[in-house]
Protein backbone atom coordinates (compact mmCIF):
# COMPACT_ATOMS: atom_id res chain seq x y z
CA UNK A 1 11.57 -63.95 -2.81
CA UNK A 2 10.01 -61.79 -0.12
CA UNK A 3 10.07 -58.03 -0.60
CA UNK A 4 11.78 -56.86 2.55
CA UNK A 5 11.54 -53.13 2.84
CA UNK A 6 14.14 -51.23 4.97
CA UNK A 7 12.93 -50.07 8.42
CA UNK A 8 11.79 -46.50 8.89
CA UNK A 9 14.41 -44.01 10.08
CA UNK A 10 14.06 -42.86 13.65
CA UNK A 11 12.96 -39.09 13.59
CA UNK A 12 15.31 -36.65 15.31
CA UNK A 13 12.34 -35.60 17.56
CA UNK A 14 10.63 -38.63 18.94
CA UNK A 15 7.53 -36.90 20.24
CA UNK A 16 6.94 -33.38 18.90
CA UNK A 17 4.79 -31.33 21.28
CA UNK A 18 2.31 -30.28 18.53
CA UNK A 19 -0.04 -32.29 16.35
CA UNK A 20 -1.31 -31.50 12.83
CA UNK A 21 -4.78 -32.44 11.62
CA UNK A 22 -4.98 -33.60 7.96
CA UNK A 23 -7.94 -34.55 5.82
CA UNK A 24 -7.65 -37.04 2.97
CA UNK A 25 -10.11 -38.88 0.74
CA UNK A 26 -9.87 -42.66 0.58
CA UNK A 27 -11.80 -45.22 -1.53
CA UNK A 28 -15.23 -45.74 0.08
CA UNK A 29 -14.99 -49.55 0.22
CA UNK A 30 -14.61 -51.77 3.30
CA UNK A 31 -11.62 -53.64 1.90
CA UNK A 32 -9.80 -50.50 0.87
CA UNK A 33 -10.49 -49.04 4.30
CA UNK A 34 -9.15 -52.22 6.01
CA UNK A 35 -5.95 -52.04 3.98
CA UNK A 36 -5.56 -48.33 4.73
CA UNK A 37 -6.03 -49.08 8.46
CA UNK A 38 -3.42 -51.83 8.33
CA UNK A 39 -0.84 -49.48 6.78
CA UNK A 40 -1.46 -46.88 9.48
CA UNK A 41 -1.37 -49.49 12.23
CA UNK A 42 2.10 -50.46 10.99
CA UNK A 43 3.44 -47.19 12.32
CA UNK A 44 2.69 -48.37 15.85
CA UNK A 45 4.75 -51.58 15.41
CA UNK A 46 8.27 -51.14 16.88
CA UNK A 47 9.69 -53.78 14.54
CA UNK A 48 9.01 -51.52 11.57
CA UNK A 49 11.48 -48.93 12.87
CA UNK A 50 15.22 -48.86 13.03
CA UNK A 51 16.82 -51.13 15.64
CA UNK A 52 19.44 -49.40 17.75
CA UNK A 53 20.68 -49.67 21.40
CA UNK A 54 18.51 -46.86 22.80
CA UNK A 55 15.37 -48.65 21.70
CA UNK A 56 13.99 -45.45 20.18
CA UNK A 57 11.93 -47.52 17.78
CA UNK A 58 9.73 -48.58 20.68
CA UNK A 59 9.31 -44.98 21.80
CA UNK A 60 8.37 -43.62 18.34
CA UNK A 61 5.97 -46.60 17.90
CA UNK A 62 4.27 -45.66 21.13
CA UNK A 63 3.78 -42.09 19.82
CA UNK A 64 2.19 -43.44 16.68
CA UNK A 65 0.02 -45.93 18.63
CA UNK A 66 -1.57 -42.94 20.46
CA UNK A 67 -2.08 -41.22 17.12
CA UNK A 68 -3.47 -44.22 15.17
CA UNK A 69 -5.84 -45.44 17.90
CA UNK A 70 -7.19 -41.94 18.51
CA UNK A 71 -8.51 -41.77 14.88
CA UNK A 72 -12.24 -40.96 14.85
CA UNK A 73 -13.95 -43.45 12.55
CA UNK A 74 -17.54 -42.69 11.64
CA UNK A 75 -19.58 -45.53 10.11
CA UNK A 76 -16.36 -47.09 8.78
CA UNK A 77 -15.21 -43.80 7.30
CA UNK A 78 -12.58 -41.65 8.85
CA UNK A 79 -14.00 -38.46 10.26
CA UNK A 80 -12.93 -35.10 8.98
CA UNK A 81 -10.89 -32.61 10.95
CA UNK A 82 -12.87 -30.21 13.08
CA UNK A 83 -12.61 -26.58 12.03
CA UNK A 84 -10.08 -24.70 14.13
CA UNK A 85 -10.99 -21.41 15.73
CA UNK A 86 -8.66 -18.81 14.31
CA UNK A 87 -8.23 -15.45 16.05
CA UNK A 88 -7.15 -12.45 14.07
CA UNK A 89 -5.55 -9.16 15.14
CA UNK A 90 -3.72 -6.15 13.64
CA UNK A 91 -0.67 -4.83 15.59
CA UNK A 92 0.08 -1.15 16.18
CA UNK A 93 2.47 -1.38 13.22
CA UNK A 94 -0.24 -2.66 10.94
CA UNK A 95 0.92 -6.26 10.82
CA UNK A 96 -1.88 -8.94 10.42
CA UNK A 97 -1.47 -11.84 12.67
CA UNK A 98 -3.48 -15.01 13.58
CA UNK A 99 -3.60 -17.37 16.56
CA UNK A 100 -4.87 -20.99 16.64
CA UNK A 101 -4.34 -21.54 20.37
CA UNK A 102 -6.77 -19.00 21.89
CA UNK A 103 -4.25 -16.16 21.76
CA UNK A 104 -1.39 -17.84 23.54
CA UNK A 105 0.85 -17.26 20.54
CA UNK A 106 0.57 -15.21 17.31
CA UNK A 107 2.22 -15.43 13.95
CA UNK A 108 1.96 -13.70 10.59
CA UNK A 109 -1.42 -14.18 8.86
CA UNK A 110 -0.71 -16.42 5.77
CA UNK A 111 -3.50 -14.63 3.94
CA UNK A 112 -2.04 -11.18 4.35
CA UNK A 113 -1.99 -9.84 0.78
CA UNK A 114 1.27 -7.96 1.68
CA UNK A 115 2.81 -11.44 2.06
CA UNK A 116 1.15 -13.46 -0.70
CA UNK A 117 0.91 -10.68 -3.33
CA UNK A 118 2.87 -10.74 -6.60
CA UNK A 119 6.37 -9.33 -6.79
CA UNK A 120 6.79 -7.45 -10.04
CA UNK A 121 9.96 -8.01 -12.06
CA UNK A 122 12.56 -5.30 -11.40
CA UNK A 123 12.51 -3.36 -14.71
CA UNK A 124 13.76 -0.07 -13.27
CA UNK A 125 16.19 1.51 -15.70
CA UNK A 126 19.63 2.85 -14.87
CA UNK A 127 22.33 2.07 -12.34
CA UNK A 128 23.41 3.59 -9.02
CA UNK A 129 21.75 6.91 -8.20
CA UNK A 130 19.94 7.02 -11.53
CA UNK A 131 18.20 3.78 -10.71
CA UNK A 132 17.27 4.94 -7.28
CA UNK A 133 15.98 8.23 -8.63
CA UNK A 134 13.83 6.47 -11.27
CA UNK A 135 12.46 4.14 -8.60
CA UNK A 136 11.65 7.08 -6.22
CA UNK A 137 9.89 8.94 -9.08
CA UNK A 138 7.86 5.92 -9.90
CA UNK A 139 6.86 5.57 -6.30
CA UNK A 140 5.82 9.23 -6.05
CA UNK A 141 3.43 8.74 -8.99
CA UNK A 142 1.74 5.91 -7.17
CA UNK A 143 1.67 7.83 -3.88
CA UNK A 144 0.00 10.75 -5.68
CA UNK A 145 -2.60 8.50 -7.26
CA UNK A 146 -3.35 6.84 -3.88
CA UNK A 147 -3.53 10.16 -2.03
CA UNK A 148 -5.87 11.56 -4.63
CA UNK A 149 -8.16 8.51 -4.23
CA UNK A 150 -8.04 9.00 -0.41
CA UNK A 151 -9.28 12.59 -0.92
CA UNK A 152 -12.09 11.50 -3.25
CA UNK A 153 -13.20 8.97 -0.68
CA UNK A 154 -13.48 11.71 1.92
CA UNK A 155 -16.36 13.10 -0.13
CA UNK A 156 -18.18 9.85 -0.92
CA UNK A 157 -17.75 7.95 2.34
CA UNK A 158 -20.71 8.10 4.77
CA UNK A 159 -19.12 6.22 7.70
CA UNK A 160 -15.72 5.46 9.19
CA UNK A 161 -16.05 1.83 8.09
CA UNK A 162 -17.00 2.86 4.60
CA UNK A 163 -14.00 5.18 4.39
CA UNK A 164 -11.66 2.42 5.73
CA UNK A 165 -13.05 0.05 3.04
CA UNK A 166 -12.41 2.66 0.31
CA UNK A 167 -8.83 3.33 1.57
CA UNK A 168 -8.11 -0.42 1.82
CA UNK A 169 -9.28 -0.89 -1.76
CA UNK A 170 -6.80 1.73 -2.98
CA UNK A 171 -3.73 0.42 -1.21
CA UNK A 172 -4.57 -3.20 -2.32
CA UNK A 173 -4.12 -2.28 -5.99
CA UNK A 174 -0.26 -2.52 -5.87
CA UNK A 175 -0.27 -5.84 -4.09
CA UNK A 176 -1.52 -7.85 -7.03
CA UNK A 177 -2.99 -10.46 -4.75
CA UNK A 178 -5.35 -12.60 -6.78
CA UNK A 179 -8.71 -13.30 -5.15
CA UNK A 180 -7.96 -11.04 -2.14
CA UNK A 181 -10.77 -8.66 -1.16
CA UNK A 182 -10.14 -5.24 0.22
CA UNK A 183 -12.06 -6.25 3.30
CA UNK A 184 -8.91 -8.01 4.80
CA UNK A 185 -7.08 -4.70 4.95
CA UNK A 186 -9.97 -2.72 6.51
CA UNK A 187 -8.64 -3.22 10.05
CA UNK A 188 -5.26 -1.90 8.97
CA UNK A 189 -6.90 1.32 7.71
CA UNK A 190 -9.37 1.89 10.53
CA UNK A 191 -7.12 4.35 12.42
CA UNK A 192 -6.54 6.36 9.24
CA UNK A 193 -10.23 6.44 8.46
CA UNK A 194 -10.98 7.68 12.03
CA UNK A 195 -8.41 10.40 11.72
CA UNK A 196 -9.53 11.60 8.32
CA UNK A 197 -13.31 11.16 8.48
CA UNK A 198 -15.03 14.47 8.23
CA UNK A 199 -12.05 16.38 6.63
CA UNK A 200 -13.01 18.29 3.55
CA UNK A 201 -11.49 16.93 0.29
CA UNK A 202 -10.38 20.39 -0.87
CA UNK A 203 -8.66 21.15 2.48
CA UNK A 204 -7.02 17.75 2.50
CA UNK A 205 -5.64 17.96 -1.04
CA UNK A 206 -4.29 21.49 -0.37
CA UNK A 207 -1.92 20.07 2.22
CA UNK A 208 -0.05 18.03 -0.42
CA UNK A 209 2.05 20.78 -2.05
CA UNK A 210 4.86 20.33 -4.51
CA UNK A 211 7.34 20.94 -1.61
CA UNK A 212 5.76 17.96 0.15
CA UNK A 213 6.08 15.71 -2.81
CA UNK A 214 9.65 16.87 -3.49
CA UNK A 215 10.60 16.06 0.14
CA UNK A 216 9.05 12.63 0.01
CA UNK A 217 10.88 11.95 -3.26
CA UNK A 218 14.16 12.69 -1.57
CA UNK A 219 13.21 10.61 1.47
CA UNK A 220 12.63 7.60 -0.79
CA UNK A 221 15.75 8.32 -2.85
CA UNK A 222 17.97 8.50 0.29
CA UNK A 223 16.69 5.29 1.88
CA UNK A 224 16.07 2.94 -1.02
CA UNK A 225 18.56 0.20 -1.95
CA UNK A 226 20.94 0.45 -4.90
CA UNK A 227 18.70 -1.92 -6.84
CA UNK A 228 15.77 0.47 -6.55
CA UNK A 229 13.99 -1.71 -4.00
CA UNK A 230 13.53 -1.71 -0.26
CA UNK A 231 14.35 -4.38 2.32
CA UNK A 232 12.76 -4.45 5.77
CA UNK A 233 15.39 -2.18 7.47
CA UNK A 234 15.31 0.36 4.64
CA UNK A 235 11.46 0.39 4.80
CA UNK A 236 11.70 1.19 8.52
CA UNK A 237 14.21 3.93 7.79
CA UNK A 238 11.78 5.54 5.34
CA UNK A 239 9.00 5.39 7.87
CA UNK A 240 11.24 7.14 10.35
CA UNK A 241 12.00 9.91 7.87
CA UNK A 242 8.28 10.37 7.13
CA UNK A 243 7.72 10.76 10.88
CA UNK A 244 10.43 13.35 11.09
CA UNK A 245 9.65 15.33 7.95
CA UNK A 246 5.86 15.49 7.96
CA UNK A 247 2.97 16.01 10.35
CA UNK A 248 -0.78 15.99 10.69
CA UNK A 249 -2.81 14.62 7.72
CA UNK A 250 0.24 14.38 5.47
CA UNK A 251 2.16 12.19 7.90
CA UNK A 252 -0.97 10.09 8.58
CA UNK A 253 -1.59 9.63 4.87
CA UNK A 254 1.94 8.65 3.99
CA UNK A 255 2.34 6.33 6.90
CA UNK A 256 -1.04 4.71 6.17
CA UNK A 257 -0.09 4.10 2.55
CA UNK A 258 3.19 2.53 3.65
CA UNK A 259 1.49 0.34 6.18
CA UNK A 260 -1.07 -0.70 3.68
CA UNK A 261 1.53 -1.47 0.97
CA UNK A 262 4.20 -2.96 3.15
CA UNK A 263 7.53 -3.70 1.58
CA UNK A 264 5.94 -5.66 -1.27
CA UNK A 265 3.52 -2.86 -2.30
CA UNK A 266 6.19 -0.15 -1.98
CA UNK A 267 8.64 -2.11 -4.14
CA UNK A 268 5.92 -2.65 -6.71
CA UNK A 269 5.20 1.10 -6.56
CA UNK A 270 8.86 1.82 -7.29
CA UNK A 271 8.68 -0.50 -10.40
CA UNK A 272 5.30 0.62 -11.73
CA UNK A 273 5.58 3.98 -13.45
CA UNK A 274 7.25 6.17 -16.01
CA UNK A 275 10.31 7.99 -14.73
CA UNK A 276 11.66 9.50 -17.92
CA UNK A 277 12.06 12.95 -16.29
CA UNK A 278 13.40 11.70 -12.92
CA UNK A 279 15.80 14.21 -11.35
CA UNK A 280 17.04 13.84 -7.77
CA UNK A 281 19.99 16.24 -8.07
CA UNK A 282 18.44 18.45 -5.34
CA UNK A 283 18.27 15.66 -2.86
CA UNK A 284 20.95 15.92 -0.17
CA UNK A 285 21.36 12.55 1.43
CA UNK A 286 23.37 13.61 4.45
CA UNK A 287 25.31 10.43 5.20
CA UNK A 288 27.59 8.96 2.42
CA UNK A 289 27.63 5.70 4.38
CA UNK A 290 23.94 5.13 3.48
CA UNK A 291 24.64 5.13 -0.24
CA UNK A 292 28.47 5.29 -0.54
CA UNK A 293 28.30 4.24 -4.18
CA UNK A 294 27.27 7.83 -5.01
CA UNK A 295 30.60 9.28 -3.73
CA UNK A 296 33.19 8.09 -6.18
CA UNK A 297 35.29 11.01 -7.62
CA UNK A 298 37.19 8.49 -9.73
CA UNK A 299 36.41 4.88 -10.60
CA UNK A 300 33.20 3.19 -11.67
CA UNK A 301 30.95 1.05 -9.44
CA UNK A 302 30.37 -2.49 -10.59
CA UNK A 303 28.27 -3.92 -7.76
CA UNK A 304 26.81 -2.89 -4.39
CA UNK A 305 26.06 -5.64 -1.75
CA UNK A 306 24.14 -4.97 1.38
CA UNK A 307 25.53 -7.53 3.85
CA UNK A 308 23.57 -9.20 6.54
CA UNK A 309 25.81 -7.78 9.24
CA UNK A 310 24.85 -4.21 8.29
CA UNK A 311 27.94 -3.40 6.26
CA UNK A 312 27.97 -2.43 2.60
CA UNK A 313 30.54 -3.89 0.13
CA UNK A 314 31.21 -2.10 -3.15
CA UNK A 315 33.12 -3.57 -6.16
CA UNK A 316 34.57 -0.90 -8.39
CA UNK A 317 37.15 -0.58 -11.17
CA UNK A 318 39.57 2.22 -11.88
CA UNK A 319 39.19 4.98 -14.45
CA UNK A 320 41.87 7.37 -15.90
CA UNK A 321 42.74 10.28 -13.73
CA UNK A 322 43.51 13.73 -15.24
CA UNK A 323 47.28 13.10 -14.99
CA UNK A 324 46.91 9.85 -17.04
CA UNK A 325 47.22 7.58 -14.05
CA UNK A 326 44.56 5.04 -13.10
CA UNK A 327 42.68 5.66 -9.97
CA UNK A 328 39.75 4.72 -7.67
CA UNK A 329 38.86 7.53 -5.33
CA UNK A 330 36.01 7.42 -2.88
CA UNK A 331 35.37 10.91 -1.57
CA UNK A 332 32.84 11.73 1.12
CA UNK A 333 33.02 15.48 0.47
CA UNK A 334 31.19 17.85 0.23
CA UNK A 335 29.37 16.02 3.03
CA UNK A 336 32.55 16.39 5.13
CA UNK A 337 30.73 16.34 8.41
CA UNK A 338 29.76 12.73 7.78
CA UNK A 339 32.54 10.11 8.03
CA UNK A 340 32.41 6.56 6.97
CA UNK A 341 33.88 3.61 8.93
CA UNK A 342 35.77 1.72 6.17
CA UNK A 343 36.30 -1.85 7.37
CA UNK A 344 38.48 -2.97 4.44
CA UNK A 345 39.89 -1.57 1.26
CA UNK A 346 41.64 -3.92 -1.17
CA UNK A 347 42.82 -3.66 -4.75
CA UNK A 348 43.95 -6.17 -7.39
CA UNK A 349 46.02 -5.22 -10.33
CA UNK A 350 45.24 -7.69 -13.16
CA UNK A 351 48.58 -6.97 -14.88
CA UNK A 352 51.06 -7.13 -12.02
CA UNK A 353 49.06 -8.72 -9.23
CA UNK A 354 50.40 -5.96 -6.97
CA UNK A 355 48.51 -3.51 -4.86
CA UNK A 356 48.98 0.14 -5.99
CA UNK A 357 49.97 2.74 -3.46
CA UNK A 358 47.09 4.38 -1.50
CA UNK A 359 46.65 7.70 0.24
CA UNK A 360 44.03 8.86 2.66
CA UNK A 361 42.84 11.69 4.87
CA UNK A 362 40.70 10.78 7.81
CA UNK A 363 37.86 12.88 9.36
CA UNK A 364 40.25 14.66 11.71
CA UNK A 365 41.99 16.19 8.72
CA UNK A 366 45.22 14.24 8.93
CA UNK A 367 46.75 13.49 5.61
CA UNK A 368 49.27 10.81 4.58
CA UNK A 369 50.11 7.80 2.54
CA UNK A 370 51.01 4.21 3.45
CA UNK A 371 51.61 0.74 1.95
CA UNK A 372 48.94 -0.90 4.19
CA UNK A 373 45.38 -0.13 5.02
CA UNK A 374 44.13 0.44 8.56
CA UNK A 375 40.41 0.19 9.21
CA UNK A 376 38.92 3.39 10.51
CA UNK A 377 36.71 6.37 9.84
CA UNK A 378 37.57 8.29 6.64
CA UNK A 379 36.49 11.21 4.65
CA UNK A 380 38.12 9.95 1.58
CA UNK A 381 40.36 7.09 0.38
CA UNK A 382 41.99 6.45 -2.95
CA UNK A 383 44.26 4.03 -4.82
CA UNK A 384 46.45 5.38 -7.65
CA UNK A 385 48.46 3.41 -10.16
CA UNK A 386 51.26 5.64 -11.49
CA UNK A 387 51.76 3.91 -14.79
CA UNK A 388 49.35 3.36 -17.69
CA UNK A 389 47.32 0.09 -17.57
CA UNK A 390 45.77 -1.63 -20.53
CA UNK A 391 43.12 -2.98 -18.19
CA UNK A 392 41.63 -1.32 -15.18
CA UNK A 393 42.43 -2.53 -11.67
CA UNK A 394 39.66 -3.54 -9.28
CA UNK A 395 38.89 -2.32 -5.79
CA UNK A 396 36.69 -3.78 -3.06
CA UNK A 397 35.62 -1.45 -0.27
CA UNK A 398 33.49 -2.54 2.70
CA UNK A 399 31.89 0.17 4.72
CA UNK A 400 30.87 -0.41 8.31
CA UNK A 401 27.55 0.43 9.81
CA UNK A 402 28.99 3.30 11.85
CA UNK A 403 32.31 4.66 13.11
CA UNK A 404 33.60 2.97 16.30
């Protein structure tokens, strides 16, 4: 019985605008080569493709005919792909990009160590603000080590290029990119080396006071995610705070380290360290909507989710109030000048299935209670269950990006 194979399925795109060159090794024997050629030629036969009214099989076969008959055979051996010319550039923001079409289009460099480096497992201890503080403290330790190495390089470097190479080697350490040489990051560090070359190490180090490090610790603590890690938007927020809070060589150094590390390196810096004495109690993060999980007067946070639409959803459960009731109370004070847009506030009582009564005061100072929740900007909201529960009730609060 003949072995009838099903026809090939018609691709959704009959003739893609781009072509990809591949290189394979085939048996170096005339018969093998003839068989290989026959298989390839089958792609140009319309009868091998699905039969349907639009006759797309003929169209896709024509595409493959151009491909197959354009193969360059050299002495009965398929020629290898020619090397493509790859252009490289570094953007103003420090991104490494490549182009394979003479600069007509650019995309992220797949060899960028900030992309292909190793993500360390998140072993940061604690939850909520404790976890964020431990992460910030770890990061500061790595910032200090990198800054000190920058200072030492100012004394040993004899040229701008040499200084850039030394700086690149330092920031590369936290990317854990196997086989990647520091040379790839030299273009990212050229501007920094140009700005710092000729500065005395002692003068440079003197700029990094304890007040500077404390402020950077709080900047990291106030912008990092609840899991002690940064996403792209939080990383940008940190860069903005560094621009606002620092100047001259301090700002140049911190921004250079951040550009060199990228999100990957910064997150590894937040994991790598010993934060046994972490204390961020002096940090005043001015907007409770940035980290609303820190502002629960009553109740315990179970989970914090940063949604793709910019909102933050918190799952919490009730804890006993002083009057023996069960309560969840989110309280934006003492930061009462900052109000949060609360998109939704729902509660589930595991014993009765009912929703406990809730009371609120909005940012204008109006007080009151109601049986239903209205989205809006609040200084505090709370749910209270007026009788004892054997199990806590659960609340879900979603905070909007900003007040309407």
